[in-house]
Amino acid sequence: MLDRADDTRWIVRAAPDAPAEAVVEAFGSGFRLESWALDADERETLGVHTSPDQAETAWWRHLDRDRGQRTETGDADTARRLGEA
């Protein structure tokens, strides 16, 4: 879920009472997705997306890939549609 922190920042959480997992911030004409950490130096930038909702989806896909629940596709068109290209 996306929890709006202010006009330019959203927090990605698994549930309303769950801890923050990622941060989405307005960035230029897009929305930057970063893993959440107390120390800004420890945050990992994971891309810039066209909406906060797409950035949230990218976060969950990132976690799925890390858990081995998704495999890389060999088809460039499929990879582009899934945001992997």
Foldseek 3Di string as FASTA:
>chain_A
DWDDPDPFKTFAAPDPPGDGQWMWGDDDQWIWIWGDDPDPVPIDTDDTHNDPVVSNVVVVVVVCVVVVVDDDDPDPVVCVVVVND
